[in-house]
């Protein structure tokens, strides 16, 4: 039967060593055991700190649950960063396209403006302006050369002469016809004035015809003369009768000239 001592020391008596037997050996074993425990304690490696989250290099050093979770978190973080970067690039590209893409109408307007600017730059060129001025002068000179020149008063002796002087003349020529009466002094003054004006305005066709040849009434022959009829392109543009009431019985070429210019029948020299 197990004694109280067995209960205290354990039932395996083969491991029990009496205090009275071989005490030195027991101390020696205790010392050796202590040394081994000390060496074991000293050689235990220090616990390594877990790597930070952002130090993932693409492979997990810890394949346990914590390592897998860390890898998953890093993967999601990189995925979010990549998505944000792609969104920035997409927005930047959209802005560039919005700024650079033009409608067809806008392109046409821009092209038209560019063409106008090119034409304007050509017009502003001094050489071009000089060339254009010379060309324009040549055109005007050619037109003047084609325009009939008269320089004197033409007497119309028949009704046909009267009609032909109007209808068969160049449409650009102004025809001024003096209807006169030989017995009226104001008509003599008008003849003298028209002779002067015919030399000053060679491009104007000045004519004269007697009132009786033109088939006018006796009343007009006395009270309507001197009269000036102005035609252009076959149409009457001025009809001035009984000019003695306006100019008097004695007047000068400058008076008649001023009168016709005032009514737009003569160009201003």
Protein backbone atom coordinates (compact mmCIF):
# COMPACT_ATOMS: atom_id res chain seq x y z
CA UNK A 1 0.00 0.00 0.00
CA UNK A 2 1.21 3.46 -0.89
CA UNK A 3 2.31 5.48 2.10
CA UNK A 4 1.93 9.19 2.64
CA UNK A 5 5.47 9.68 1.46
CA UNK A 6 4.61 7.89 -1.78
CA UNK A 7 1.68 10.22 -2.26
CA UNK A 8 3.93 13.21 -1.81
CA UNK A 9 6.88 11.95 -3.91
CA UNK A 10 4.86 10.07 -6.44
CA UNK A 11 4.01 6.49 -6.89
CA UNK A 12 6.96 5.85 -9.25
CA UNK A 13 9.48 4.89 -6.69
CA UNK A 14 12.17 4.24 -9.32
CA UNK A 15 12.42 8.01 -9.86
CA UNK A 16 12.70 8.74 -6.19
CA UNK A 17 16.12 9.40 -4.72
CA UNK A 18 16.63 9.40 -1.09
CA UNK A 19 18.18 12.43 0.51
CA UNK A 20 20.54 10.22 2.37
CA UNK A 21 21.95 8.54 -0.67
CA UNK A 22 24.42 10.15 -2.99
CA UNK A 23 23.56 13.77 -2.17
CA UNK A 24 26.56 15.01 -4.09
CA UNK A 25 25.38 13.40 -7.25
CA UNK A 26 22.00 14.97 -6.86
CA UNK A 27 23.53 18.44 -6.59
CA UNK A 28 25.59 17.78 -9.60
CA UNK A 29 22.57 16.75 -11.58
CA UNK A 30 20.68 19.80 -10.39
CA UNK A 31 23.55 22.03 -11.50
CA UNK A 32 23.70 20.37 -14.89
CA UNK A 33 20.00 20.67 -15.27
CA UNK A 34 20.14 24.37 -14.37
CA UNK A 35 22.90 24.98 -16.87
CA UNK A 36 20.92 23.30 -19.60
CA UNK A 37 17.85 25.34 -18.76
CA UNK A 38 19.97 28.55 -18.82
CA UNK A 39 21.53 27.70 -22.14
CA UNK A 40 18.13 26.87 -23.51
CA UNK A 41 16.78 30.22 -22.32
CA UNK A 42 19.73 32.14 -23.78
CA UNK A 43 19.55 30.48 -27.20
CA UNK A 44 15.83 31.14 -27.73
CA UNK A 45 15.49 33.54 -30.73
CA UNK A 46 13.77 36.90 -30.29
CA UNK A 47 10.26 37.08 -31.66
CA UNK A 48 10.33 38.81 -35.13
CA UNK A 49 7.95 41.77 -35.73
CA UNK A 50 5.35 41.28 -38.50
CA UNK A 51 6.15 43.13 -41.74
CA UNK A 52 4.24 46.34 -42.35
CA UNK A 53 1.24 46.30 -44.63
CA UNK A 54 2.80 48.33 -47.42
CA UNK A 55 5.99 46.25 -47.60
CA UNK A 56 4.42 43.46 -49.65
CA UNK A 57 6.74 42.38 -52.47
CA UNK A 58 4.34 40.11 -54.32
CA UNK A 59 4.91 36.92 -52.35
CA UNK A 60 3.89 36.03 -48.88
CA UNK A 61 6.49 34.94 -46.35
CA UNK A 62 3.81 33.84 -43.97
CA UNK A 63 1.54 31.28 -45.54
CA UNK A 64 -0.73 31.09 -42.55
CA UNK A 65 -4.18 32.73 -42.24
CA UNK A 66 -2.64 36.05 -41.21
CA UNK A 67 -0.34 36.07 -44.26
CA UNK A 68 -3.20 35.28 -46.65
CA UNK A 69 -5.32 38.04 -45.13
CA UNK A 70 -2.42 40.51 -45.41
CA UNK A 71 -1.88 39.53 -49.02
CA UNK A 72 -5.57 40.06 -49.78
CA UNK A 73 -5.58 43.49 -48.14
CA UNK A 74 -2.52 44.55 -50.13
CA UNK A 75 -4.08 43.25 -53.35
CA UNK A 76 -7.27 45.26 -52.78
CA UNK A 77 -5.20 48.34 -51.95
CA UNK A 78 -3.24 48.07 -55.20
CA UNK A 79 -6.43 47.42 -57.12
CA UNK A 80 -8.02 50.59 -55.67
CA UNK A 81 -4.91 52.66 -56.46
CA UNK A 82 -4.84 51.31 -60.00
CA UNK A 83 -8.54 52.10 -60.46
CA UNK A 84 -8.02 55.67 -59.21
CA UNK A 85 -5.06 56.17 -61.57
CA UNK A 86 -7.06 54.88 -64.53
CA UNK A 87 -9.92 57.23 -63.64
CA UNK A 88 -7.54 60.20 -63.62
CA UNK A 89 -6.20 59.24 -67.04
CA UNK A 90 -9.74 58.83 -68.37
CA UNK A 91 -10.77 62.28 -67.13
CA UNK A 92 -7.62 63.85 -68.57
CA UNK A 93 -8.23 62.22 -71.95
CA UNK A 94 -11.86 63.34 -71.95
CA UNK A 95 -10.78 66.93 -71.30
CA UNK A 96 -8.29 66.81 -74.16
CA UNK A 97 -10.91 65.44 -76.52
CA UNK A 98 -13.40 68.10 -75.43
CA UNK A 99 -10.86 70.85 -76.11
CA UNK A 100 -9.59 69.51 -79.42
CA UNK A 101 -12.64 68.03 -81.14
CA UNK A 102 -14.62 70.57 -83.26
CA UNK A 103 -17.89 70.26 -85.08
CA UNK A 104 -18.02 70.45 -88.86
CA UNK A 105 -19.56 73.91 -88.69
CA UNK A 106 -16.83 75.15 -86.36
CA UNK A 107 -14.16 73.76 -88.67
CA UNK A 108 -15.80 75.51 -91.65
CA UNK A 109 -15.93 78.80 -89.76
CA UNK A 110 -12.30 78.46 -88.70
CA UNK A 111 -11.29 77.73 -92.29
CA UNK A 112 -13.25 80.74 -93.55
CA UNK A 113 -11.64 83.01 -90.97
CA UNK A 114 -8.20 81.71 -91.94
CA UNK A 115 -8.90 82.40 -95.61
CA UNK A 116 -10.08 85.92 -94.82
CA UNK A 117 -6.95 86.55 -92.79
CA UNK A 118 -4.81 85.34 -95.70
CA UNK A 119 -6.67 87.64 -98.10
CA UNK A 120 -6.32 90.53 -95.70
CA UNK A 121 -2.60 89.96 -95.36
CA UNK A 122 -2.32 89.99 -99.15
CA UNK A 123 -4.32 93.21 -99.36
CA UNK A 124 -2.11 94.82 -96.75
CA UNK A 125 0.95 94.03 -98.84
CA UNK A 126 2.29 97.27 -100.32
CA UNK A 127 3.26 95.66 -103.59
CA UNK A 128 -0.23 94.24 -104.03
CA UNK A 129 -1.83 97.63 -103.34
CA UNK A 130 0.38 99.33 -105.89
CA UNK A 131 -0.38 96.68 -108.48
CA UNK A 132 -4.13 96.93 -107.80
CA UNK A 133 -4.02 100.73 -108.07
CA UNK A 134 -2.24 100.58 -111.42
CA UNK A 135 -4.68 97.98 -112.71
CA UNK A 136 -7.65 100.08 -111.60
CA UNK A 137 -6.21 103.16 -113.27
CA UNK A 138 -5.78 101.25 -116.52
CA UNK A 139 -9.40 100.08 -116.36
CA UNK A 140 -10.64 103.63 -115.78
CA UNK A 141 -8.52 104.95 -118.62
CA UNK A 142 -9.88 102.26 -120.92
CA UNK A 143 -13.44 103.20 -119.98
CA UNK A 144 -12.71 106.89 -120.62
CA UNK A 145 -11.25 106.06 -124.00
CA UNK A 146 -14.37 104.12 -124.93
CA UNK A 147 -16.66 106.98 -123.85
CA UNK A 148 -17.58 109.28 -126.80
CA UNK A 149 -16.13 112.78 -126.77
CA UNK A 150 -18.00 115.79 -128.16
CA UNK A 151 -16.60 119.17 -127.05
CA UNK A 152 -19.12 121.32 -128.98
CA UNK A 153 -22.83 122.03 -129.31
CA UNK A 154 -24.59 119.99 -132.02
CA UNK A 155 -27.45 121.67 -133.93
CA UNK A 156 -30.39 119.36 -134.67
CA UNK A 157 -32.22 120.34 -137.89
CA UNK A 158 -35.08 117.83 -137.94
CA UNK A 159 -37.31 115.84 -135.62
CA UNK A 160 -35.45 112.70 -136.66
CA UNK A 161 -32.18 114.30 -135.62
CA UNK A 162 -33.78 115.07 -132.28
CA UNK A 163 -34.94 111.47 -131.79
CA UNK A 164 -31.67 109.93 -133.01
CA UNK A 165 -29.61 112.18 -130.73
CA UNK A 166 -31.43 110.62 -127.80
CA UNK A 167 -32.16 107.02 -128.76
CA UNK A 168 -28.99 106.12 -130.66
CA UNK A 169 -26.50 107.53 -128.20
CA UNK A 170 -24.42 105.47 -125.77
CA UNK A 171 -26.45 104.75 -122.63
CA UNK A 172 -23.67 106.11 -120.44
CA UNK A 173 -23.76 109.51 -122.18
CA UNK A 174 -25.84 112.37 -120.78
CA UNK A 175 -27.60 114.39 -123.53
CA UNK A 176 -28.60 118.02 -122.83
CA UNK A 177 -30.81 119.62 -125.50
CA UNK A 178 -31.49 123.36 -125.62
CA UNK A 179 -34.86 124.28 -127.11
CA UNK A 180 -34.58 127.88 -128.29
CA UNK A 181 -36.35 130.68 -130.12
CA UNK A 182 -34.29 132.90 -132.36
CA UNK A 183 -36.23 135.99 -131.27
CA UNK A 184 -35.62 135.56 -127.50
CA UNK A 185 -32.50 137.19 -126.00
CA UNK A 186 -32.24 134.67 -123.16
CA UNK A 187 -31.88 131.91 -125.77
CA UNK A 188 -28.87 133.67 -127.30
CA UNK A 189 -27.30 133.87 -123.84
CA UNK A 190 -27.97 130.12 -123.30
CA UNK A 191 -26.27 129.25 -126.62
CA UNK A 192 -23.14 131.10 -125.56
CA UNK A 193 -23.08 129.41 -122.15
CA UNK A 194 -23.52 125.91 -123.64
CA UNK A 195 -20.62 126.48 -126.07
CA UNK A 196 -18.38 127.13 -123.06
CA UNK A 197 -19.71 124.15 -121.07
CA UNK A 198 -19.31 121.79 -124.05
CA UNK A 199 -15.57 122.45 -123.97
CA UNK A 200 -15.40 121.98 -120.21
CA UNK A 201 -17.47 118.76 -120.26
CA UNK A 202 -16.47 116.86 -123.44
CA UNK A 203 -18.21 113.71 -122.22
CA UNK A 204 -21.60 115.47 -122.15
CA UNK A 205 -23.50 115.74 -125.42
CA UNK A 206 -24.86 119.29 -125.80
CA UNK A 207 -27.43 119.87 -128.57
CA UNK A 208 -29.79 122.64 -129.70
CA UNK A 209 -33.04 122.60 -131.67
CA UNK A 210 -35.51 125.34 -132.58
CA UNK A 211 -38.90 125.16 -130.92
CA UNK A 212 -40.78 125.32 -134.22
CA UNK A 213 -38.74 122.40 -135.67
CA UNK A 214 -39.49 120.34 -132.58
CA UNK A 215 -43.21 120.92 -133.28
CA UNK A 216 -43.92 122.80 -130.05
CA UNK A 217 -46.88 125.13 -129.63
CA UNK A 218 -46.68 128.85 -130.31
CA UNK A 219 -47.33 129.50 -126.62
CA UNK A 220 -44.29 127.40 -125.64
CA UNK A 221 -42.15 129.12 -128.31
CA UNK A 222 -42.74 132.45 -126.56
CA UNK A 223 -43.05 131.69 -122.85
CA UNK A 224 -41.35 128.27 -122.45
CA UNK A 225 -37.91 129.11 -123.83
CA UNK A 226 -35.05 128.84 -123.13
CA UNK A 227 -35.62 125.24 -122.07
CA UNK A 228 -33.17 122.45 -121.28
CA UNK A 229 -34.16 118.79 -121.62
CA UNK A 230 -31.75 116.21 -120.15
CA UNK A 231 -31.75 112.56 -121.29
CA UNK A 232 -29.76 109.44 -120.36
CA UNK A 233 -30.22 105.91 -121.72
CA UNK A 234 -33.20 107.18 -123.73
CA UNK A 235 -35.05 108.41 -120.63
CA UNK A 236 -35.66 112.00 -119.64
CA UNK A 237 -34.05 112.81 -116.29
CA UNK A 238 -34.40 116.61 -116.29
CA UNK A 239 -36.94 119.05 -117.73
CA UNK A 240 -36.26 122.77 -117.15
CA UNK A 241 -38.46 125.31 -118.99
CA UNK A 242 -38.70 129.12 -118.97
CA UNK A 243 -35.22 129.41 -117.44
CA UNK A 244 -35.27 133.19 -117.91
CA UNK A 245 -37.36 133.40 -114.75
CA UNK A 246 -34.58 131.50 -112.91
CA UNK A 247 -31.48 132.97 -114.56
CA UNK A 248 -32.76 136.22 -116.10
CA UNK A 249 -32.19 137.40 -119.67
CA UNK A 250 -28.42 137.88 -119.26
CA UNK A 251 -26.37 135.20 -117.47
CA UNK A 252 -23.03 133.41 -117.70
CA UNK A 253 -21.75 129.88 -118.20
CA UNK A 254 -20.92 129.61 -114.50
CA UNK A 255 -24.56 130.37 -113.66
CA UNK A 256 -25.82 127.61 -115.94
CA UNK A 257 -23.13 125.22 -114.69
CA UNK A 258 -24.02 125.86 -111.04
CA UNK A 259 -27.71 125.39 -111.83
CA UNK A 260 -27.17 122.02 -113.57
CA UNK A 261 -24.79 120.76 -110.87
CA UNK A 262 -27.31 121.69 -108.20
CA UNK A 263 -29.89 119.45 -109.87
CA UNK A 264 -27.40 116.65 -110.47
CA UNK A 265 -27.31 117.01 -114.24
CA UNK A 266 -23.57 117.74 -114.40
CA UNK A 267 -20.72 116.13 -112.45
CA UNK A 268 -18.71 118.42 -110.23
CA UNK A 269 -15.31 119.20 -111.74
